[in-house]
Amino acid sequence: MSFRAKAAMFGVMNVFMSVAMSFTADIKNGSVSARTLLMIAVGFIVGMVLSFIIPFGKISAMSCRAFGIDGNGIAGNLVGNIVPAFINIVIIGAVMTAVNVSPFKLGMKIYIEAFFSVFPIQLIVGYIVACIANPISLSVGKAVQKRCRKGKEGDDPK
């Protein structure tokens, strides 16, 4: 898959995840504010970096193979998203909490309490969002890849 197709696919997934994680944390804490936009941006940027570094597709395929499940079906989507969603949610949640709480000023105890106060609900919501967004992001990635191929073959991609 081309870089452009991967960027589109990862972008769609990370928009869904960063919005869901930001609003989940804010709703859990009882306030949605202008800082929510900052947290969405932080979550998106961290998610994009993770998507290009960690081979989530391979991890998902390995999870499906371990359970003997076809990765292309509904069961494959449900099983294949467990490990990648967990990794994403832990790292993005940790960074978002660090931006919000600033463990260097307030201390690690407050940071850890803040992280674990929202982590369980973020994990559940993030997993559900990943299961919904993954097929959409894969479709977007395939469409962009197809469009890129048409452009290389001399066809007008419009």
C-alpha atoms as a PDB file:
ATOM      1  CA  MET A   1       0.000   0.000   0.000  1.00  0.00           C
ATOM      2  CA  SER A   2       1.311   3.452  -0.895  1.00  0.00           C
ATOM      3  CA  PHE A   3       2.259   6.047   1.689  1.00  0.00           C
ATOM      4  CA  ARG A   4      -0.672   8.197   0.612  1.00  0.00           C
ATOM      5  CA  ALA A   5      -3.133   5.329   1.055  1.00  0.00           C
ATOM      6  CA  LYS A   6      -1.677   4.455   4.472  1.00  0.00           C
ATOM      7  CA  ALA A   7      -1.838   8.101   5.556  1.00  0.00           C
ATOM      8  CA  ALA A   8      -5.499   8.313   4.518  1.00  0.00           C
ATOM      9  CA  MET A   9      -6.341   5.027   6.245  1.00  0.00           C
ATOM     10  CA  PHE A  10      -4.472   5.946   9.442  1.00  0.00           C
ATOM     11  CA  GLY A  11      -5.927   9.466   9.352  1.00  0.00           C
ATOM     12  CA  VAL A  12      -9.513   8.229   9.285  1.00  0.00           C
ATOM     13  CA  MET A  13      -8.882   5.769  12.117  1.00  0.00           C
ATOM     14  CA  ASN A  14      -7.072   8.321  14.260  1.00  0.00           C
ATOM     15  CA  VAL A  15      -9.721  11.006  13.799  1.00  0.00           C
ATOM     16  CA  PHE A  16     -12.309   8.572  15.132  1.00  0.00           C
ATOM     17  CA  MET A  17     -10.081   7.426  18.007  1.00  0.00           C
ATOM     18  CA  SER A  18      -8.856  10.867  19.105  1.00  0.00           C
ATOM     19  CA  VAL A  19     -12.362  12.353  19.099  1.00  0.00           C
ATOM     20  CA  ALA A  20     -13.786   9.378  21.001  1.00  0.00           C
ATOM     21  CA  MET A  21     -11.003   9.338  23.587  1.00  0.00           C
ATOM     22  CA  SER A  22     -11.105  13.113  24.138  1.00  0.00           C
ATOM     23  CA  PHE A  23     -14.861  13.306  24.567  1.00  0.00           C
ATOM     24  CA  THR A  24     -14.922  10.176  26.732  1.00  0.00           C
ATOM     25  CA  ALA A  25     -12.385  11.671  29.136  1.00  0.00           C
ATOM     26  CA  ASP A  26     -14.121  15.049  29.172  1.00  0.00           C
ATOM     27  CA  ILE A  27     -17.586  13.602  29.711  1.00  0.00           C
ATOM     28  CA  LYS A  28     -16.249  11.298  32.450  1.00  0.00           C
ATOM     29  CA  ASN A  29     -14.707  14.319  34.162  1.00  0.00           C
ATOM     30  CA  GLY A  30     -17.864  16.377  33.707  1.00  0.00           C
ATOM     31  CA  SER A  31     -16.681  19.145  31.398  1.00  0.00           C
ATOM     32  CA  VAL A  32     -16.149  19.639  27.698  1.00  0.00           C
ATOM     33  CA  SER A  33     -14.024  22.711  27.063  1.00  0.00           C
ATOM     34  CA  ALA A  34     -11.764  24.374  24.535  1.00  0.00           C
ATOM     35  CA  ARG A  35      -9.043  22.038  25.800  1.00  0.00           C
ATOM     36  CA  THR A  36     -10.983  19.224  24.149  1.00  0.00           C
ATOM     37  CA  LEU A  37      -9.773  20.462  20.750  1.00  0.00           C
ATOM     38  CA  LEU A  38      -6.177  20.381  22.003  1.00  0.00           C
ATOM     39  CA  MET A  39      -6.660  16.815  23.242  1.00  0.00           C
ATOM     40  CA  ILE A  40      -8.159  15.773  19.888  1.00  0.00           C
ATOM     41  CA  ALA A  41      -5.124  17.226  18.107  1.00  0.00           C
ATOM     42  CA  VAL A  42      -2.705  15.561  20.548  1.00  0.00           C
ATOM     43  CA  GLY A  43      -4.496  12.228  20.222  1.00  0.00           C
ATOM     44  CA  PHE A  44      -4.515  12.465  16.427  1.00  0.00           C
ATOM     45  CA  ILE A  45      -0.812  13.315  16.160  1.00  0.00           C
ATOM     46  CA  VAL A  46       0.252  10.604  18.616  1.00  0.00           C
ATOM     47  CA  GLY A  47      -2.019   8.092  16.874  1.00  0.00           C
ATOM     48  CA  MET A  48      -0.569   8.925  13.454  1.00  0.00           C
ATOM     49  CA  VAL A  49       2.992   8.508  14.723  1.00  0.00           C
ATOM     50  CA  LEU A  50       2.074   5.178  16.325  1.00  0.00           C
ATOM     51  CA  SER A  51       0.334   4.011  13.151  1.00  0.00           C
ATOM     52  CA  PHE A  52       3.477   4.522  11.093  1.00  0.00           C
ATOM     53  CA  ILE A  53       5.782   2.956  13.712  1.00  0.00           C
ATOM     54  CA  ILE A  54       3.820  -0.015  15.052  1.00  0.00           C
ATOM     55  CA  PRO A  55       2.639  -2.611  12.494  1.00  0.00           C
ATOM     56  CA  PHE A  56      -0.965  -2.760  13.710  1.00  0.00           C
ATOM     57  CA  GLY A  57      -2.095  -4.634  10.591  1.00  0.00           C
ATOM     58  CA  LYS A  58       0.394  -7.431  11.225  1.00  0.00           C
ATOM     59  CA  ILE A  59      -0.512  -7.564  14.916  1.00  0.00           C
ATOM     60  CA  SER A  60      -4.177  -7.808  13.985  1.00  0.00           C
ATOM     61  CA  ALA A  61      -3.482 -10.597  11.473  1.00  0.00           C
ATOM     62  CA  MET A  62      -1.406 -12.499  14.050  1.00  0.00           C
ATOM     63  CA  SER A  63      -4.216 -12.198  16.606  1.00  0.00           C
ATOM     64  CA  CYS A  64      -6.707 -13.635  14.113  1.00  0.00           C
ATOM     65  CA  ARG A  65      -4.352 -16.482  13.158  1.00  0.00           C
ATOM     66  CA  ALA A  66      -3.761 -17.304  16.826  1.00  0.00           C
ATOM     67  CA  PHE A  67      -7.487 -17.884  17.270  1.00  0.00           C
ATOM     68  CA  GLY A  68      -7.961 -19.486  13.846  1.00  0.00           C
ATOM     69  CA  ILE A  69     -10.309 -16.724  12.678  1.00  0.00           C
ATOM     70  CA  ASP A  70     -10.616 -15.263   9.183  1.00  0.00           C
ATOM     71  CA  GLY A  71      -9.455 -11.670   9.500  1.00  0.00           C
ATOM     72  CA  ASN A  72     -11.869 -10.395   6.849  1.00  0.00           C
ATOM     73  CA  GLY A  73     -15.137 -11.162   8.657  1.00  0.00           C
ATOM     74  CA  ILE A  74     -16.925  -9.633  11.603  1.00  0.00           C
ATOM     75  CA  ALA A  75     -15.218 -12.013  14.029  1.00  0.00           C
ATOM     76  CA  GLY A  76     -11.851 -11.077  12.522  1.00  0.00           C
ATOM     77  CA  ASN A  77     -12.629  -7.399  13.055  1.00  0.00           C
ATOM     78  CA  LEU A  78     -13.624  -8.005  16.668  1.00  0.00           C
ATOM     79  CA  VAL A  79     -10.619 -10.202  17.531  1.00  0.00           C
ATOM     80  CA  GLY A  80      -8.115  -8.372  15.331  1.00  0.00           C
ATOM     81  CA  ASN A  81      -8.807  -5.023  16.996  1.00  0.00           C
ATOM     82  CA  ILE A  82      -8.209  -6.139  20.582  1.00  0.00           C
ATOM     83  CA  VAL A  83      -4.413  -5.820  20.762  1.00  0.00           C
ATOM     84  CA  PRO A  84      -3.969  -2.812  18.412  1.00  0.00           C
ATOM     85  CA  ALA A  85      -6.760  -0.886  20.158  1.00  0.00           C
ATOM     86  CA  PHE A  86      -5.278  -1.660  23.579  1.00  0.00           C
ATOM     87  CA  ILE A  87      -1.801  -0.478  22.529  1.00  0.00           C
ATOM     88  CA  ASN A  88      -3.199   2.671  20.926  1.00  0.00           C
ATOM     89  CA  ILE A  89      -5.455   3.544  23.842  1.00  0.00           C
ATOM     90  CA  VAL A  90      -2.749   3.032  26.479  1.00  0.00           C
ATOM     91  CA  ILE A  91      -0.174   5.186  24.686  1.00  0.00           C
ATOM     92  CA  ILE A  92      -2.533   7.899  23.446  1.00  0.00           C
ATOM     93  CA  GLY A  93      -4.284   8.016  26.818  1.00  0.00           C
ATOM     94  CA  ALA A  94      -0.969   8.306  28.654  1.00  0.00           C
ATOM     95  CA  VAL A  95       0.179  11.195  26.462  1.00  0.00           C
ATOM     96  CA  MET A  96      -3.181  12.986  26.647  1.00  0.00           C
ATOM     97  CA  THR A  97      -3.190  12.636  30.437  1.00  0.00           C
ATOM     98  CA  ALA A  98       0.386  13.949  30.619  1.00  0.00           C
ATOM     99  CA  VAL A  99      -0.607  17.012  28.593  1.00  0.00           C
ATOM    100  CA  ASN A 100      -3.620  17.604  30.846  1.00  0.00           C
ATOM    101  CA  VAL A 101      -2.093  16.787  34.233  1.00  0.00           C
ATOM    102  CA  SER A 102       1.601  17.613  33.758  1.00  0.00           C
ATOM    103  CA  PRO A 103       3.174  14.952  35.986  1.00  0.00           C
ATOM    104  CA  PHE A 104       6.362  17.010  36.362  1.00  0.00           C
ATOM    105  CA  LYS A 105       4.467  19.825  38.095  1.00  0.00           C
ATOM    106  CA  LEU A 106       1.744  17.944  39.976  1.00  0.00           C
ATOM    107  CA  GLY A 107       3.496  14.644  40.612  1.00  0.00           C
ATOM    108  CA  MET A 108       3.205  11.092  39.386  1.00  0.00           C
ATOM    109  CA  LYS A 109       0.591  10.120  41.967  1.00  0.00           C
ATOM    110  CA  ILE A 110      -1.913  12.609  40.562  1.00  0.00           C
ATOM    111  CA  TYR A 111      -0.963  11.619  36.998  1.00  0.00           C
ATOM    112  CA  ILE A 112      -1.522   7.910  37.688  1.00  0.00           C
ATOM    113  CA  GLU A 113      -4.838   8.604  39.438  1.00  0.00           C
ATOM    114  CA  ALA A 114      -5.979  10.767  36.514  1.00  0.00           C
ATOM    115  CA  PHE A 115      -4.915   8.165  33.937  1.00  0.00           C
ATOM    116  CA  PHE A 116      -6.645   5.254  35.653  1.00  0.00           C
ATOM    117  CA  SER A 117      -9.784   7.259  36.400  1.00  0.00           C
ATOM    118  CA  VAL A 118     -10.587   7.413  32.670  1.00  0.00           C
ATOM    119  CA  PHE A 119      -8.673   4.409  31.313  1.00  0.00           C
ATOM    120  CA  PRO A 120     -11.346   1.718  31.782  1.00  0.00           C
ATOM    121  CA  ILE A 121     -14.072   3.687  29.993  1.00  0.00           C
ATOM    122  CA  GLN A 122     -11.640   4.879  27.304  1.00  0.00           C
ATOM    123  CA  LEU A 123     -10.630   1.280  26.716  1.00  0.00           C
ATOM    124  CA  ILE A 124     -14.219   0.158  26.204  1.00  0.00           C
ATOM    125  CA  VAL A 125     -15.228   3.135  24.065  1.00  0.00           C
ATOM    126  CA  GLY A 126     -11.954   3.042  22.118  1.00  0.00           C
ATOM    127  CA  TYR A 127     -12.353  -0.644  21.311  1.00  0.00           C
ATOM    128  CA  ILE A 128     -15.925  -0.129  20.099  1.00  0.00           C
ATOM    129  CA  VAL A 129     -14.869   2.859  17.996  1.00  0.00           C
ATOM    130  CA  ALA A 130     -11.936   0.886  16.561  1.00  0.00           C
ATOM    131  CA  CYS A 131     -14.280  -1.936  15.547  1.00  0.00           C
ATOM    132  CA  ILE A 132     -16.552   0.567  13.786  1.00  0.00           C
ATOM    133  CA  ALA A 133     -13.817   2.768  12.275  1.00  0.00           C
ATOM    134  CA  ASN A 134     -11.477   0.012  11.086  1.00  0.00           C
ATOM    135  CA  PRO A 135     -13.620  -1.181   8.155  1.00  0.00           C
ATOM    136  CA  ILE A 136     -14.242   2.452   7.163  1.00  0.00           C
ATOM    137  CA  SER A 137     -10.535   3.328   7.288  1.00  0.00           C
ATOM    138  CA  LEU A 138      -9.612   0.199   5.311  1.00  0.00           C
ATOM    139  CA  SER A 139     -12.139   1.156   2.633  1.00  0.00           C
ATOM    140  CA  VAL A 140     -10.700   4.673   2.454  1.00  0.00           C
ATOM    141  CA  GLY A 141      -7.154   3.288   2.201  1.00  0.00           C
ATOM    142  CA  LYS A 142      -8.156   0.925  -0.617  1.00  0.00           C
ATOM    143  CA  ALA A 143      -9.962   3.719  -2.479  1.00  0.00           C
ATOM    144  CA  VAL A 144      -6.941   6.013  -2.238  1.00  0.00           C
ATOM    145  CA  GLN A 145      -4.651   3.178  -3.348  1.00  0.00           C
ATOM    146  CA  LYS A 146      -6.894   2.489  -6.338  1.00  0.00           C
ATOM    147  CA  ARG A 147      -6.939   6.179  -7.215  1.00  0.00           C
ATOM    148  CA  CYS A 148      -3.131   6.346  -6.939  1.00  0.00           C
ATOM    149  CA  ARG A 149      -2.763   3.368  -9.269  1.00  0.00           C
ATOM    150  CA  LYS A 150      -5.053   4.995 -11.836  1.00  0.00           C
ATOM    151  CA  GLY A 151      -2.946   8.142 -11.670  1.00  0.00           C
ATOM    152  CA  LYS A 152       0.254   6.148 -12.293  1.00  0.00           C
ATOM    153  CA  GLU A 153      -1.232   4.391 -15.296  1.00  0.00           C
ATOM    154  CA  GLY A 154      -1.843   7.693 -17.026  1.00  0.00           C
ATOM    155  CA  ASP A 155      -5.590   7.802 -16.399  1.00  0.00           C
ATOM    156  CA  ASP A 156      -7.132  10.959 -15.089  1.00  0.00           C
ATOM    157  CA  PRO A 157      -7.771  10.212 -11.390  1.00  0.00           C
ATOM    158  CA  LYS A 158     -10.657  12.720 -11.241  1.00  0.00           C
END
